[in-house]
């Protein structure tokens, strides 16, 4: 067992030294692998953050009712009337003056509000349905739209449904692009090692002539495939983290508009380990299949 481990250590180290001895050609291969991996990894990072946003902003269904122009007393009376409905758990009335005051408190709107001559905001009633399911909230919204006092009804969960649809789309794109790019990584490593085997055909023939087995000859190529894959994964990780830093400023500005402290998170330790593990496994399989196939076709010189 000690000899077996020593042999693997020697061949793995030699494969790494051979790669470092040809930096330019191998650098191009590593960059091709890195950018093939960076796209699905970046999509995965975005999908992870969208899922986090969806979980953070999940809230009970609320209905926002915008009233027709009317006196404040009449609007309050209508709000009290709605609160007595069995489908309604509670109501919160927001007068035009209260709405304008809330708008002033939002960053960037104070100067714009000061330019207004009149208050253009309508009276608003925020309704919490007694039932949490979307069907009951939708039925209540439809009932409110038929009232003559109501100008517009918005179901606040609609945007959560749109966000969920965006989340599903990003997850699907991540899955599709991950499959395509991982196949590209497999082909790049396989083709690289196939050419390397063909270029070293004479050396392989001599090794077979003196009694070297196919597994002994194949092992350095397998280590080469793993080293190439891991190098590409490390560069891809760097690219993804740089992308996260570039996007974080824009996401922070967008979150501020929604009064949220959400910050974009890059790849964590578990995601990084998964990236390295999957990429290394692909490199191993590509080297095993591509180099192994061509090694069997090479016969020792007679």
C-alpha atoms as a PDB file:
ATOM      1  CA  UNK A   1       0.000   0.000   0.000  1.00  0.00           C
ATOM      2  CA  UNK A   2       2.883   2.361   0.812  1.00  0.00           C
ATOM      3  CA  UNK A   3       4.463   1.703  -2.594  1.00  0.00           C
ATOM      4  CA  UNK A   4       1.089   2.238  -4.272  1.00  0.00           C
ATOM      5  CA  UNK A   5       0.598   5.618  -2.592  1.00  0.00           C
ATOM      6  CA  UNK A   6       4.187   6.633  -3.305  1.00  0.00           C
ATOM      7  CA  UNK A   7       3.731   5.785  -6.975  1.00  0.00           C
ATOM      8  CA  UNK A   8       0.549   7.884  -7.175  1.00  0.00           C
ATOM      9  CA  UNK A   9       2.271  10.768  -5.427  1.00  0.00           C
ATOM     10  CA  UNK A  10       5.179  10.642  -7.847  1.00  0.00           C
ATOM     11  CA  UNK A  11       3.008  10.429 -10.955  1.00  0.00           C
ATOM     12  CA  UNK A  12       0.620  13.132  -9.737  1.00  0.00           C
ATOM     13  CA  UNK A  13       3.489  15.461  -8.928  1.00  0.00           C
ATOM     14  CA  UNK A  14       5.188  14.771 -12.240  1.00  0.00           C
ATOM     15  CA  UNK A  15       1.946  15.488 -14.127  1.00  0.00           C
ATOM     16  CA  UNK A  16       1.707  18.860 -12.365  1.00  0.00           C
ATOM     17  CA  UNK A  17       5.344  19.688 -13.135  1.00  0.00           C
ATOM     18  CA  UNK A  18       4.804  18.795 -16.797  1.00  0.00           C
ATOM     19  CA  UNK A  19       1.874  21.204 -16.951  1.00  0.00           C
ATOM     20  CA  UNK A  20       3.909  23.992 -15.375  1.00  0.00           C
ATOM     21  CA  UNK A  21       6.719  23.319 -17.856  1.00  0.00           C
ATOM     22  CA  UNK A  22       4.383  24.351 -20.711  1.00  0.00           C
ATOM     23  CA  UNK A  23       2.670  27.409 -19.208  1.00  0.00           C
ATOM     24  CA  UNK A  24       1.437  29.188 -22.355  1.00  0.00           C
ATOM     25  CA  UNK A  25      -0.403  26.330 -24.039  1.00  0.00           C
ATOM     26  CA  UNK A  26      -1.844  25.033 -20.777  1.00  0.00           C
ATOM     27  CA  UNK A  27      -2.862  28.546 -19.710  1.00  0.00           C
ATOM     28  CA  UNK A  28      -5.100  28.834 -22.770  1.00  0.00           C
ATOM     29  CA  UNK A  29      -6.688  25.486 -21.933  1.00  0.00           C
ATOM     30  CA  UNK A  30      -7.237  26.504 -18.310  1.00  0.00           C
ATOM     31  CA  UNK A  31      -8.825  29.802 -19.353  1.00  0.00           C
ATOM     32  CA  UNK A  32     -11.149  27.994 -21.774  1.00  0.00           C
ATOM     33  CA  UNK A  33     -12.195  25.678 -18.939  1.00  0.00           C
ATOM     34  CA  UNK A  34     -12.544  28.576 -16.494  1.00  0.00           C
ATOM     35  CA  UNK A  35     -14.876  30.639 -18.636  1.00  0.00           C
ATOM     36  CA  UNK A  36     -16.903  27.538 -19.502  1.00  0.00           C
ATOM     37  CA  UNK A  37     -17.391  26.992 -15.759  1.00  0.00           C
ATOM     38  CA  UNK A  38     -17.845  30.668 -14.841  1.00  0.00           C
ATOM     39  CA  UNK A  39     -21.158  31.033 -16.712  1.00  0.00           C
ATOM     40  CA  UNK A  40     -23.100  28.274 -14.890  1.00  0.00           C
ATOM     41  CA  UNK A  41     -21.400  29.174 -11.603  1.00  0.00           C
ATOM     42  CA  UNK A  42     -22.496  32.811 -11.965  1.00  0.00           C
ATOM     43  CA  UNK A  43     -26.033  31.730 -12.838  1.00  0.00           C
ATOM     44  CA  UNK A  44     -26.013  29.467  -9.779  1.00  0.00           C
ATOM     45  CA  UNK A  45     -24.930  32.402  -7.623  1.00  0.00           C
ATOM     46  CA  UNK A  46     -27.758  34.567  -9.007  1.00  0.00           C
ATOM     47  CA  UNK A  47     -30.287  31.756  -8.531  1.00  0.00           C
ATOM     48  CA  UNK A  48     -29.163  31.305  -4.922  1.00  0.00           C
ATOM     49  CA  UNK A  49     -29.652  35.004  -4.212  1.00  0.00           C
ATOM     50  CA  UNK A  50     -33.061  35.095  -5.914  1.00  0.00           C
ATOM     51  CA  UNK A  51     -34.184  32.167  -3.764  1.00  0.00           C
ATOM     52  CA  UNK A  52     -32.956  34.058  -0.690  1.00  0.00           C
ATOM     53  CA  UNK A  53     -34.921  37.158  -1.746  1.00  0.00           C
ATOM     54  CA  UNK A  54     -38.059  35.090  -2.320  1.00  0.00           C
ATOM     55  CA  UNK A  55     -37.796  33.471   1.109  1.00  0.00           C
ATOM     56  CA  UNK A  56     -37.113  36.808   2.798  1.00  0.00           C
ATOM     57  CA  UNK A  57     -40.045  38.631   1.220  1.00  0.00           C
ATOM     58  CA  UNK A  58     -42.674  35.953   1.560  1.00  0.00           C
ATOM     59  CA  UNK A  59     -45.579  37.591   3.419  1.00  0.00           C
ATOM     60  CA  UNK A  60     -49.322  37.039   3.956  1.00  0.00           C
ATOM     61  CA  UNK A  61     -51.519  38.138   1.075  1.00  0.00           C
ATOM     62  CA  UNK A  62     -52.503  41.778   1.310  1.00  0.00           C
ATOM     63  CA  UNK A  63     -54.856  43.742  -0.901  1.00  0.00           C
ATOM     64  CA  UNK A  64     -54.318  47.422  -1.619  1.00  0.00           C
ATOM     65  CA  UNK A  65     -57.497  49.278  -2.570  1.00  0.00           C
ATOM     66  CA  UNK A  66     -57.244  52.704  -4.243  1.00  0.00           C
ATOM     67  CA  UNK A  67     -60.478  54.679  -3.793  1.00  0.00           C
ATOM     68  CA  UNK A  68     -62.244  57.111  -6.078  1.00  0.00           C
ATOM     69  CA  UNK A  69     -61.834  60.812  -5.136  1.00  0.00           C
ATOM     70  CA  UNK A  70     -64.004  61.363  -2.052  1.00  0.00           C
ATOM     71  CA  UNK A  71     -64.096  63.079   1.306  1.00  0.00           C
ATOM     72  CA  UNK A  72     -61.810  61.684   3.994  1.00  0.00           C
ATOM     73  CA  UNK A  73     -64.736  60.916   6.318  1.00  0.00           C
ATOM     74  CA  UNK A  74     -66.512  58.931   3.622  1.00  0.00           C
ATOM     75  CA  UNK A  75     -63.353  56.974   2.841  1.00  0.00           C
ATOM     76  CA  UNK A  76     -62.870  56.108   6.522  1.00  0.00           C
ATOM     77  CA  UNK A  77     -66.484  54.966   6.755  1.00  0.00           C
ATOM     78  CA  UNK A  78     -66.014  52.741   3.725  1.00  0.00           C
ATOM     79  CA  UNK A  79     -62.875  51.262   5.339  1.00  0.00           C
ATOM     80  CA  UNK A  80     -64.833  50.512   8.519  1.00  0.00           C
ATOM     81  CA  UNK A  81     -67.574  48.895   6.431  1.00  0.00           C
ATOM     82  CA  UNK A  82     -65.086  46.597   4.689  1.00  0.00           C
ATOM     83  CA  UNK A  83     -63.545  45.585   8.033  1.00  0.00           C
ATOM     84  CA  UNK A  84     -66.890  44.010   8.958  1.00  0.00           C
ATOM     85  CA  UNK A  85     -66.828  41.621   6.010  1.00  0.00           C
ATOM     86  CA  UNK A  86     -66.268  37.980   7.003  1.00  0.00           C
ATOM     87  CA  UNK A  87     -63.524  37.612   4.363  1.00  0.00           C
ATOM     88  CA  UNK A  88     -61.524  40.467   5.929  1.00  0.00           C
ATOM     89  CA  UNK A  89     -59.258  40.058   8.957  1.00  0.00           C
ATOM     90  CA  UNK A  90     -58.258  43.723   9.287  1.00  0.00           C
ATOM     91  CA  UNK A  91     -58.052  46.987   7.387  1.00  0.00           C
ATOM     92  CA  UNK A  92     -55.664  49.912   7.540  1.00  0.00           C
ATOM     93  CA  UNK A  93     -56.758  53.244   6.135  1.00  0.00           C
ATOM     94  CA  UNK A  94     -54.156  55.601   4.641  1.00  0.00           C
ATOM     95  CA  UNK A  95     -55.374  59.102   3.890  1.00  0.00           C
ATOM     96  CA  UNK A  96     -53.833  61.148   1.053  1.00  0.00           C
ATOM     97  CA  UNK A  97     -51.966  63.277   3.608  1.00  0.00           C
ATOM     98  CA  UNK A  98     -50.579  60.190   5.340  1.00  0.00           C
ATOM     99  CA  UNK A  99     -49.550  58.729   1.993  1.00  0.00           C
ATOM    100  CA  UNK A 100     -47.744  61.928   1.039  1.00  0.00           C
ATOM    101  CA  UNK A 101     -45.904  61.918   4.363  1.00  0.00           C
ATOM    102  CA  UNK A 102     -44.793  58.309   3.831  1.00  0.00           C
ATOM    103  CA  UNK A 103     -43.593  59.226   0.353  1.00  0.00           C
ATOM    104  CA  UNK A 104     -41.455  62.021   1.793  1.00  0.00           C
ATOM    105  CA  UNK A 105     -39.694  59.525   4.034  1.00  0.00           C
ATOM    106  CA  UNK A 106     -38.530  57.413   1.102  1.00  0.00           C
ATOM    107  CA  UNK A 107     -35.001  58.286   0.038  1.00  0.00           C
ATOM    108  CA  UNK A 108     -34.917  60.556  -3.012  1.00  0.00           C
ATOM    109  CA  UNK A 109     -38.624  61.512  -3.003  1.00  0.00           C
ATOM    110  CA  UNK A 110     -38.586  64.430  -0.587  1.00  0.00           C
ATOM    111  CA  UNK A 111     -37.371  66.934  -3.196  1.00  0.00           C
ATOM    112  CA  UNK A 112     -39.841  65.656  -5.796  1.00  0.00           C
ATOM    113  CA  UNK A 113     -42.783  65.893  -3.383  1.00  0.00           C
ATOM    114  CA  UNK A 114     -41.912  69.491  -2.504  1.00  0.00           C
ATOM    115  CA  UNK A 115     -42.444  70.465  -6.162  1.00  0.00           C
ATOM    116  CA  UNK A 116     -46.106  69.363  -6.123  1.00  0.00           C
ATOM    117  CA  UNK A 117     -48.785  72.056  -5.891  1.00  0.00           C
ATOM    118  CA  UNK A 118     -51.549  69.647  -4.855  1.00  0.00           C
ATOM    119  CA  UNK A 119     -51.644  66.220  -3.285  1.00  0.00           C
ATOM    120  CA  UNK A 120     -52.262  63.770  -6.175  1.00  0.00           C
ATOM    121  CA  UNK A 121     -52.477  60.655  -3.983  1.00  0.00           C
ATOM    122  CA  UNK A 122     -55.796  58.855  -3.501  1.00  0.00           C
ATOM    123  CA  UNK A 123     -57.198  57.397  -0.328  1.00  0.00           C
ATOM    124  CA  UNK A 124     -55.923  53.854   0.206  1.00  0.00           C
ATOM    125  CA  UNK A 125     -57.174  50.898   2.218  1.00  0.00           C
ATOM    126  CA  UNK A 126     -54.760  48.056   2.949  1.00  0.00           C
ATOM    127  CA  UNK A 127     -56.734  44.874   3.608  1.00  0.00           C
ATOM    128  CA  UNK A 128     -55.510  41.644   5.199  1.00  0.00           C
ATOM    129  CA  UNK A 129     -57.761  38.734   4.200  1.00  0.00           C
ATOM    130  CA  UNK A 130     -58.886  36.317   6.883  1.00  0.00           C
ATOM    131  CA  UNK A 131     -57.712  33.367   4.756  1.00  0.00           C
ATOM    132  CA  UNK A 132     -54.068  32.986   3.753  1.00  0.00           C
ATOM    133  CA  UNK A 133     -54.594  31.061   0.524  1.00  0.00           C
ATOM    134  CA  UNK A 134     -54.209  32.878  -2.789  1.00  0.00           C
ATOM    135  CA  UNK A 135     -57.623  31.769  -4.090  1.00  0.00           C
ATOM    136  CA  UNK A 136     -59.514  33.472  -1.246  1.00  0.00           C
ATOM    137  CA  UNK A 137     -57.474  36.665  -1.641  1.00  0.00           C
ATOM    138  CA  UNK A 138     -58.142  36.691  -5.394  1.00  0.00           C
ATOM    139  CA  UNK A 139     -61.897  36.229  -4.813  1.00  0.00           C
ATOM    140  CA  UNK A 140     -61.924  39.090  -2.321  1.00  0.00           C
ATOM    141  CA  UNK A 141     -60.045  41.332  -4.768  1.00  0.00           C
ATOM    142  CA  UNK A 142     -62.609  40.558  -7.469  1.00  0.00           C
ATOM    143  CA  UNK A 143     -65.459  41.443  -5.099  1.00  0.00           C
ATOM    144  CA  UNK A 144     -63.841  44.781  -4.227  1.00  0.00           C
ATOM    145  CA  UNK A 145     -63.417  45.716  -7.895  1.00  0.00           C
ATOM    146  CA  UNK A 146     -67.195  45.659  -8.352  1.00  0.00           C
ATOM    147  CA  UNK A 147     -67.720  48.427  -5.772  1.00  0.00           C
ATOM    148  CA  UNK A 148     -68.325  51.929  -7.174  1.00  0.00           C
ATOM    149  CA  UNK A 149     -66.120  53.517  -4.489  1.00  0.00           C
ATOM    150  CA  UNK A 150     -63.085  51.582  -5.701  1.00  0.00           C
ATOM    151  CA  UNK A 151     -60.838  52.871  -8.458  1.00  0.00           C
ATOM    152  CA  UNK A 152     -58.217  50.099  -8.508  1.00  0.00           C
ATOM    153  CA  UNK A 153     -57.404  46.931  -6.581  1.00  0.00           C
ATOM    154  CA  UNK A 154     -53.950  45.414  -6.367  1.00  0.00           C
ATOM    155  CA  UNK A 155     -53.198  42.055  -4.827  1.00  0.00           C
ATOM    156  CA  UNK A 156     -49.787  42.480  -3.176  1.00  0.00           C
ATOM    157  CA  UNK A 157     -48.877  38.833  -3.695  1.00  0.00           C
ATOM    158  CA  UNK A 158     -48.890  39.294  -7.487  1.00  0.00           C
ATOM    159  CA  UNK A 159     -45.318  40.550  -7.513  1.00  0.00           C
ATOM    160  CA  UNK A 160     -44.253  37.582  -5.368  1.00  0.00           C
ATOM    161  CA  UNK A 161     -45.726  35.281  -7.998  1.00  0.00           C
ATOM    162  CA  UNK A 162     -43.765  37.126 -10.675  1.00  0.00           C
ATOM    163  CA  UNK A 163     -40.638  36.827  -8.557  1.00  0.00           C
ATOM    164  CA  UNK A 164     -41.278  33.103  -8.181  1.00  0.00           C
ATOM    165  CA  UNK A 165     -41.630  32.831 -11.965  1.00  0.00           C
ATOM    166  CA  UNK A 166     -38.305  34.650 -12.421  1.00  0.00           C
ATOM    167  CA  UNK A 167     -36.748  32.295  -9.852  1.00  0.00           C
ATOM    168  CA  UNK A 168     -38.020  29.267 -11.775  1.00  0.00           C
ATOM    169  CA  UNK A 169     -36.659  30.687 -15.039  1.00  0.00           C
ATOM    170  CA  UNK A 170     -33.209  31.358 -13.571  1.00  0.00           C
ATOM    171  CA  UNK A 171     -33.080  27.865 -12.035  1.00  0.00           C
ATOM    172  CA  UNK A 172     -34.004  26.318 -15.379  1.00  0.00           C
ATOM    173  CA  UNK A 173     -31.375  28.389 -17.207  1.00  0.00           C
ATOM    174  CA  UNK A 174     -28.809  27.405 -14.576  1.00  0.00           C
ATOM    175  CA  UNK A 175     -29.572  23.720 -15.082  1.00  0.00           C
ATOM    176  CA  UNK A 176     -29.461  23.937 -18.878  1.00  0.00           C
ATOM    177  CA  UNK A 177     -26.279  26.006 -19.082  1.00  0.00           C
ATOM    178  CA  UNK A 178     -24.605  23.904 -16.400  1.00  0.00           C
ATOM    179  CA  UNK A 179     -25.219  20.746 -18.412  1.00  0.00           C
ATOM    180  CA  UNK A 180     -23.963  22.360 -21.630  1.00  0.00           C
ATOM    181  CA  UNK A 181     -20.881  23.941 -20.084  1.00  0.00           C
ATOM    182  CA  UNK A 182     -19.917  20.813 -18.135  1.00  0.00           C
ATOM    183  CA  UNK A 183     -20.122  18.878 -21.379  1.00  0.00           C
ATOM    184  CA  UNK A 184     -17.863  21.520 -22.936  1.00  0.00           C
ATOM    185  CA  UNK A 185     -15.380  21.029 -20.076  1.00  0.00           C
ATOM    186  CA  UNK A 186     -15.488  17.283 -20.660  1.00  0.00           C
ATOM    187  CA  UNK A 187     -14.790  17.703 -24.375  1.00  0.00           C
ATOM    188  CA  UNK A 188     -12.007  20.261 -23.873  1.00  0.00           C
ATOM    189  CA  UNK A 189     -10.122  18.038 -21.431  1.00  0.00           C
ATOM    190  CA  UNK A 190     -10.766  14.916 -23.491  1.00  0.00           C
ATOM    191  CA  UNK A 191      -9.536  16.500 -26.703  1.00  0.00           C
ATOM    192  CA  UNK A 192      -6.468  17.993 -24.977  1.00  0.00           C
ATOM    193  CA  UNK A 193      -5.397  14.629 -23.596  1.00  0.00           C
ATOM    194  CA  UNK A 194      -6.199  12.834 -26.853  1.00  0.00           C
ATOM    195  CA  UNK A 195      -3.760  15.120 -28.673  1.00  0.00           C
ATOM    196  CA  UNK A 196      -1.198  14.652 -25.921  1.00  0.00           C
ATOM    197  CA  UNK A 197      -1.415  10.860 -26.235  1.00  0.00           C
ATOM    198  CA  UNK A 198      -1.007  11.056 -30.008  1.00  0.00           C
ATOM    199  CA  UNK A 199       1.973  13.390 -29.669  1.00  0.00           C
ATOM    200  CA  UNK A 200       3.627  10.956 -27.264  1.00  0.00           C
ATOM    201  CA  UNK A 201       2.830   7.861 -29.293  1.00  0.00           C
ATOM    202  CA  UNK A 202       6.460   6.819 -29.760  1.00  0.00           C
ATOM    203  CA  UNK A 203       7.197   7.162 -26.044  1.00  0.00           C
ATOM    204  CA  UNK A 204       4.139   5.064 -25.223  1.00  0.00           C
ATOM    205  CA  UNK A 205       5.229   2.378 -27.686  1.00  0.00           C
ATOM    206  CA  UNK A 206       8.644   2.170 -26.029  1.00  0.00           C
ATOM    207  CA  UNK A 207       7.081   1.989 -22.559  1.00  0.00           C
ATOM    208  CA  UNK A 208       4.798  -0.847 -23.656  1.00  0.00           C
ATOM    209  CA  UNK A 209       7.774  -2.623 -25.194  1.00  0.00           C
ATOM    210  CA  UNK A 210       9.620  -2.703 -21.882  1.00  0.00           C
ATOM    211  CA  UNK A 211       6.551  -4.056 -20.074  1.00  0.00           C
ATOM    212  CA  UNK A 212       4.631  -1.022 -18.805  1.00  0.00           C
ATOM    213  CA  UNK A 213       0.921  -1.724 -18.348  1.00  0.00           C
ATOM    214  CA  UNK A 214      -1.842   0.442 -19.783  1.00  0.00           C
ATOM    215  CA  UNK A 215      -2.932   1.501 -16.271  1.00  0.00           C
ATOM    216  CA  UNK A 216       0.603   2.635 -15.414  1.00  0.00           C
ATOM    217  CA  UNK A 217       0.860   4.665 -18.644  1.00  0.00           C
ATOM    218  CA  UNK A 218      -2.683   6.040 -18.268  1.00  0.00           C
ATOM    219  CA  UNK A 219      -2.288   7.288 -14.696  1.00  0.00           C
ATOM    220  CA  UNK A 220      -0.267  10.465 -15.511  1.00  0.00           C
ATOM    221  CA  UNK A 221      -2.858  11.454 -18.098  1.00  0.00           C
ATOM    222  CA  UNK A 222      -5.622  11.055 -15.523  1.00  0.00           C
ATOM    223  CA  UNK A 223      -3.734  13.297 -13.105  1.00  0.00           C
ATOM    224  CA  UNK A 224      -3.201  15.798 -15.918  1.00  0.00           C
ATOM    225  CA  UNK A 225      -6.943  15.902 -16.601  1.00  0.00           C
ATOM    226  CA  UNK A 226      -7.695  16.422 -12.901  1.00  0.00           C
ATOM    227  CA  UNK A 227      -5.080  19.192 -12.566  1.00  0.00           C
ATOM    228  CA  UNK A 228      -6.448  20.975 -15.636  1.00  0.00           C
ATOM    229  CA  UNK A 229     -10.012  20.712 -14.339  1.00  0.00           C
ATOM    230  CA  UNK A 230      -9.135  21.944 -10.846  1.00  0.00           C
ATOM    231  CA  UNK A 231      -7.097  24.843 -12.248  1.00  0.00           C
ATOM    232  CA  UNK A 232     -10.035  25.873 -14.415  1.00  0.00           C
ATOM    233  CA  UNK A 233     -12.375  25.616 -11.414  1.00  0.00           C
ATOM    234  CA  UNK A 234     -10.131  27.858  -9.292  1.00  0.00           C
ATOM    235  CA  UNK A 235      -9.965  30.535 -12.010  1.00  0.00           C
ATOM    236  CA  UNK A 236     -13.733  30.234 -12.509  1.00  0.00           C
ATOM    237  CA  UNK A 237     -14.251  30.771  -8.764  1.00  0.00           C
ATOM    238  CA  UNK A 238     -12.181  33.962  -8.950  1.00  0.00           C
ATOM    239  CA  UNK A 239     -14.239  35.172 -11.933  1.00  0.00           C
ATOM    240  CA  UNK A 240     -17.508  34.492 -10.087  1.00  0.00           C
ATOM    241  CA  UNK A 241     -16.337  36.345  -6.972  1.00  0.00           C
ATOM    242  CA  UNK A 242     -15.296  39.321  -9.113  1.00  0.00           C
ATOM    243  CA  UNK A 243     -18.737  39.253 -10.766  1.00  0.00           C
ATOM    244  CA  UNK A 244     -20.337  39.232  -7.322  1.00  0.00           C
ATOM    245  CA  UNK A 245     -18.352  42.290  -6.257  1.00  0.00           C
ATOM    246  CA  UNK A 246     -19.301  44.136  -9.453  1.00  0.00           C
ATOM    247  CA  UNK A 247     -22.992  43.300  -9.071  1.00  0.00           C
ATOM    248  CA  UNK A 248     -23.135  43.956  -5.330  1.00  0.00           C
ATOM    249  CA  UNK A 249     -23.133  47.754  -5.712  1.00  0.00           C
ATOM    250  CA  UNK A 250     -26.031  47.694  -8.171  1.00  0.00           C
ATOM    251  CA  UNK A 251     -27.979  45.234  -6.009  1.00  0.00           C
ATOM    252  CA  UNK A 252     -27.388  47.366  -2.913  1.00  0.00           C
ATOM    253  CA  UNK A 253     -28.786  50.445  -4.668  1.00  0.00           C
ATOM    254  CA  UNK A 254     -31.841  48.481  -5.823  1.00  0.00           C
ATOM    255  CA  UNK A 255     -32.398  47.061  -2.323  1.00  0.00           C
ATOM    256  CA  UNK A 256     -32.236  50.570  -0.847  1.00  0.00           C
ATOM    257  CA  UNK A 257     -35.179  51.634  -3.014  1.00  0.00           C
ATOM    258  CA  UNK A 258     -37.192  48.817  -1.418  1.00  0.00           C
ATOM    259  CA  UNK A 259     -35.952  49.720   2.100  1.00  0.00           C
ATOM    260  CA  UNK A 260     -34.084  46.435   2.311  1.00  0.00           C
ATOM    261  CA  UNK A 261     -30.589  45.656   3.613  1.00  0.00           C
ATOM    262  CA  UNK A 262     -30.172  42.706   1.236  1.00  0.00           C
ATOM    263  CA  UNK A 263     -26.632  42.101  -0.012  1.00  0.00           C
ATOM    264  CA  UNK A 264     -25.510  39.837  -2.816  1.00  0.00           C
ATOM    265  CA  UNK A 265     -23.610  36.792  -1.580  1.00  0.00           C
ATOM    266  CA  UNK A 266     -21.027  34.958  -3.667  1.00  0.00           C
ATOM    267  CA  UNK A 267     -20.138  31.292  -3.618  1.00  0.00           C
ATOM    268  CA  UNK A 268     -19.798  29.919  -0.113  1.00  0.00           C
ATOM    269  CA  UNK A 269     -17.480  27.196   1.150  1.00  0.00           C
ATOM    270  CA  UNK A 270     -19.906  24.388   0.318  1.00  0.00           C
ATOM    271  CA  UNK A 271     -20.584  25.697  -3.200  1.00  0.00           C
ATOM    272  CA  UNK A 272     -16.849  26.141  -3.813  1.00  0.00           C
ATOM    273  CA  UNK A 273     -16.131  22.592  -2.640  1.00  0.00           C
ATOM    274  CA  UNK A 274     -18.927  21.289  -4.875  1.00  0.00           C
ATOM    275  CA  UNK A 275     -17.502  23.187  -7.863  1.00  0.00           C
ATOM    276  CA  UNK A 276     -14.038  21.716  -7.297  1.00  0.00           C
ATOM    277  CA  UNK A 277     -15.347  18.210  -6.693  1.00  0.00           C
ATOM    278  CA  UNK A 278     -17.628  18.062  -9.735  1.00  0.00           C
ATOM    279  CA  UNK A 279     -15.038  19.642 -12.028  1.00  0.00           C
ATOM    280  CA  UNK A 280     -12.299  17.317 -10.797  1.00  0.00           C
ATOM    281  CA  UNK A 281     -14.540  14.307 -11.372  1.00  0.00           C
ATOM    282  CA  UNK A 282     -15.300  15.467 -14.914  1.00  0.00           C
ATOM    283  CA  UNK A 283     -11.577  15.898 -15.576  1.00  0.00           C
ATOM    284  CA  UNK A 284     -10.907  12.382 -14.297  1.00  0.00           C
ATOM    285  CA  UNK A 285     -13.651  10.808 -16.430  1.00  0.00           C
ATOM    286  CA  UNK A 286     -12.651  12.754 -19.552  1.00  0.00           C
ATOM    287  CA  UNK A 287      -9.017  11.717 -19.165  1.00  0.00           C
ATOM    288  CA  UNK A 288      -9.955   8.118 -18.442  1.00  0.00           C
ATOM    289  CA  UNK A 289     -12.179   7.766 -21.480  1.00  0.00           C
ATOM    290  CA  UNK A 290     -10.232   9.822 -24.028  1.00  0.00           C
ATOM    291  CA  UNK A 291      -6.678   8.819 -23.137  1.00  0.00           C
ATOM    292  CA  UNK A 292      -7.613   5.230 -22.271  1.00  0.00           C
ATOM    293  CA  UNK A 293      -9.261   4.659 -25.632  1.00  0.00           C
ATOM    294  CA  UNK A 294      -6.236   5.822 -27.604  1.00  0.00           C
ATOM    295  CA  UNK A 295      -3.746   4.007 -25.378  1.00  0.00           C
ATOM    296  CA  UNK A 296      -5.391   0.698 -26.233  1.00  0.00           C
ATOM    297  CA  UNK A 297      -4.990   1.437 -29.930  1.00  0.00           C
ATOM    298  CA  UNK A 298      -1.246   2.024 -29.622  1.00  0.00           C
ATOM    299  CA  UNK A 299       0.778  -1.174 -30.037  1.00  0.00           C
ATOM    300  CA  UNK A 300       4.397  -1.578 -28.890  1.00  0.00           C
ATOM    301  CA  UNK A 301       7.071  -1.421 -31.564  1.00  0.00           C
ATOM    302  CA  UNK A 302       8.386  -4.793 -32.698  1.00  0.00           C
END
